[in-house]
C-alpha atoms as a PDB file:
ATOM      1  CA  MET A   1       7.332  82.534 -38.417  1.00  0.00           C
ATOM      2  CA  SER A   2       3.910  82.946 -36.899  1.00  0.00           C
ATOM      3  CA  LYS A   3       2.874  81.416 -33.612  1.00  0.00           C
ATOM      4  CA  ARG A   4       0.280  78.697 -33.529  1.00  0.00           C
ATOM      5  CA  GLN A   5      -2.880  79.242 -31.543  1.00  0.00           C
ATOM      6  CA  ASP A   6      -1.593  77.108 -28.663  1.00  0.00           C
ATOM      7  CA  GLY A   7       1.495  79.336 -28.445  1.00  0.00           C
ATOM      8  CA  ASN A   8       4.033  76.631 -29.365  1.00  0.00           C
ATOM      9  CA  ALA A   9       5.837  77.420 -32.603  1.00  0.00           C
ATOM     10  CA  PHE A  10       8.153  74.398 -32.231  1.00  0.00           C
ATOM     11  CA  ALA A  11       5.499  71.657 -32.086  1.00  0.00           C
ATOM     12  CA  PRO A  12       5.817  70.586 -35.761  1.00  0.00           C
ATOM     13  CA  THR A  13       9.620  70.443 -35.498  1.00  0.00           C
ATOM     14  CA  LEU A  14       9.485  68.493 -32.256  1.00  0.00           C
ATOM     15  CA  THR A  15       6.982  66.032 -33.725  1.00  0.00           C
ATOM     16  CA  LEU A  16       9.200  65.472 -36.759  1.00  0.00           C
ATOM     17  CA  LEU A  17      12.286  65.027 -34.556  1.00  0.00           C
ATOM     18  CA  CYS A  18      10.589  62.476 -32.299  1.00  0.00           C
ATOM     19  CA  GLY A  19       9.328  60.547 -35.313  1.00  0.00           C
ATOM     20  CA  GLY A  20      12.829  60.447 -36.763  1.00  0.00           C
ATOM     21  CA  VAL A  21      14.263  59.150 -33.501  1.00  0.00           C
ATOM     22  CA  GLY A  22      11.629  56.405 -33.437  1.00  0.00           C
ATOM     23  CA  VAL A  23      12.437  55.328 -36.986  1.00  0.00           C
ATOM     24  CA  LEU A  24      16.170  55.337 -36.222  1.00  0.00           C
ATOM     25  CA  THR A  25      15.643  53.268 -33.083  1.00  0.00           C
ATOM     26  CA  GLY A  26      13.578  50.730 -35.004  1.00  0.00           C
ATOM     27  CA  ALA A  27      16.247  50.487 -37.699  1.00  0.00           C
ATOM     28  CA  LEU A  28      18.965  49.917 -35.088  1.00  0.00           C
ATOM     29  CA  ILE A  29      16.977  47.170 -33.381  1.00  0.00           C
ATOM     30  CA  ALA A  30      16.202  45.448 -36.686  1.00  0.00           C
ATOM     31  CA  GLY A  31      19.840  45.718 -37.751  1.00  0.00           C
ATOM     32  CA  SER A  32      20.990  44.189 -34.486  1.00  0.00           C
ATOM     33  CA  MET A  33      18.622  41.270 -34.959  1.00  0.00           C
ATOM     34  CA  VAL A  34      20.115  40.585 -38.395  1.00  0.00           C
ATOM     35  CA  LEU A  35      23.761  41.028 -37.428  1.00  0.00           C
ATOM     36  CA  VAL A  36      23.728  39.175 -34.094  1.00  0.00           C
ATOM     37  CA  PRO A  37      22.581  35.606 -34.730  1.00  0.00           C
ATOM     38  CA  PRO A  38      20.876  33.716 -31.913  1.00  0.00           C
ATOM     39  CA  THR A  39      22.902  31.026 -30.198  1.00  0.00           C
ATOM     40  CA  ALA A  40      21.566  27.530 -29.894  1.00  0.00           C
ATOM     41  CA  ALA A  41      21.012  26.052 -26.477  1.00  0.00           C
ATOM     42  CA  GLN A  42      23.515  23.348 -25.758  1.00  0.00           C
ATOM     43  CA  ALA A  43      23.586  20.387 -23.448  1.00  0.00           C
ATOM     44  CA  LYS A  44      26.136  20.413 -20.647  1.00  0.00           C
ATOM     45  CA  PRO A  45      28.732  17.749 -21.516  1.00  0.00           C
ATOM     46  CA  ALA A  46      29.898  18.006 -17.909  1.00  0.00           C
ATOM     47  CA  TYR A  47      26.706  16.264 -16.806  1.00  0.00           C
ATOM     48  CA  ALA A  48      27.364  13.375 -19.190  1.00  0.00           C
ATOM     49  CA  ALA A  49      30.967  13.137 -17.992  1.00  0.00           C
ATOM     50  CA  ALA A  50      30.001  13.307 -14.310  1.00  0.00           C
ATOM     51  CA  THR A  51      27.199  10.747 -14.547  1.00  0.00           C
ATOM     52  CA  GLY A  52      28.723   8.463 -17.186  1.00  0.00           C
ATOM     53  CA  LEU A  53      25.452   8.623 -19.107  1.00  0.00           C
ATOM     54  CA  PRO A  54      25.116   9.575 -22.772  1.00  0.00           C
ATOM     55  CA  CYS A  55      23.493  12.931 -23.624  1.00  0.00           C
ATOM     56  CA  GLY A  56      20.571  11.038 -25.180  1.00  0.00           C
ATOM     57  CA  LYS A  57      19.587   9.707 -21.755  1.00  0.00           C
ATOM     58  CA  CYS A  58      18.324  13.154 -20.746  1.00  0.00           C
ATOM     59  CA  HIS A  59      17.617  14.651 -24.184  1.00  0.00           C
ATOM     60  CA  VAL A  60      15.360  13.557 -27.033  1.00  0.00           C
ATOM     61  CA  ASN A  61      18.234  14.329 -29.424  1.00  0.00           C
ATOM     62  CA  PRO A  62      20.958  11.684 -28.907  1.00  0.00           C
ATOM     63  CA  ALA A  63      23.633  14.373 -29.402  1.00  0.00           C
ATOM     64  CA  GLY A  64      22.168  16.414 -26.518  1.00  0.00           C
ATOM     65  CA  GLY A  65      20.380  19.747 -26.418  1.00  0.00           C
ATOM     66  CA  GLY A  66      16.725  20.386 -27.147  1.00  0.00           C
ATOM     67  CA  PRO A  67      13.787  18.923 -25.256  1.00  0.00           C
ATOM     68  CA  ASN A  68      14.337  16.603 -22.312  1.00  0.00           C
ATOM     69  CA  THR A  69      13.134  13.054 -21.930  1.00  0.00           C
ATOM     70  CA  ASP A  70      11.158  12.086 -18.829  1.00  0.00           C
ATOM     71  CA  PHE A  71      14.436  10.978 -17.231  1.00  0.00           C
ATOM     72  CA  GLY A  72      15.997  14.355 -18.097  1.00  0.00           C
ATOM     73  CA  LYS A  73      13.079  16.218 -16.532  1.00  0.00           C
ATOM     74  CA  GLN A  74      13.429  14.193 -13.336  1.00  0.00           C
ATOM     75  CA  PHE A  75      17.207  14.758 -13.353  1.00  0.00           C
ATOM     76  CA  ALA A  76      16.681  18.545 -13.624  1.00  0.00           C
ATOM     77  CA  ALA A  77      13.974  18.523 -10.921  1.00  0.00           C
ATOM     78  CA  ASN A  78      16.390  16.671  -8.610  1.00  0.00           C
ATOM     79  CA  GLY A  79      19.005  19.433  -8.888  1.00  0.00           C
ATOM     80  CA  HIS A  80      20.947  17.610 -11.639  1.00  0.00           C
ATOM     81  CA  LYS A  81      21.780  14.755  -9.301  1.00  0.00           C
ATOM     82  CA  LEU A  82      21.070  11.052  -9.846  1.00  0.00           C
END
């Protein structure tokens, strides 16, 4: 094996190794994204139980979760207290 002009005979091997590690890392991240599904945000039923109000009072969705109504935004801004 002959030396390159810059004196580093291992540069092509190192470049190939680093590229392989990058591809492997990308594959692992993509695989994790496929295998680990995202979890949906959920309303806190404890707030409904504590206040006696239905989930739909604070959330646009009557079942709870998702965006808040104006009342829900005020409830959150007040430290989740009525």
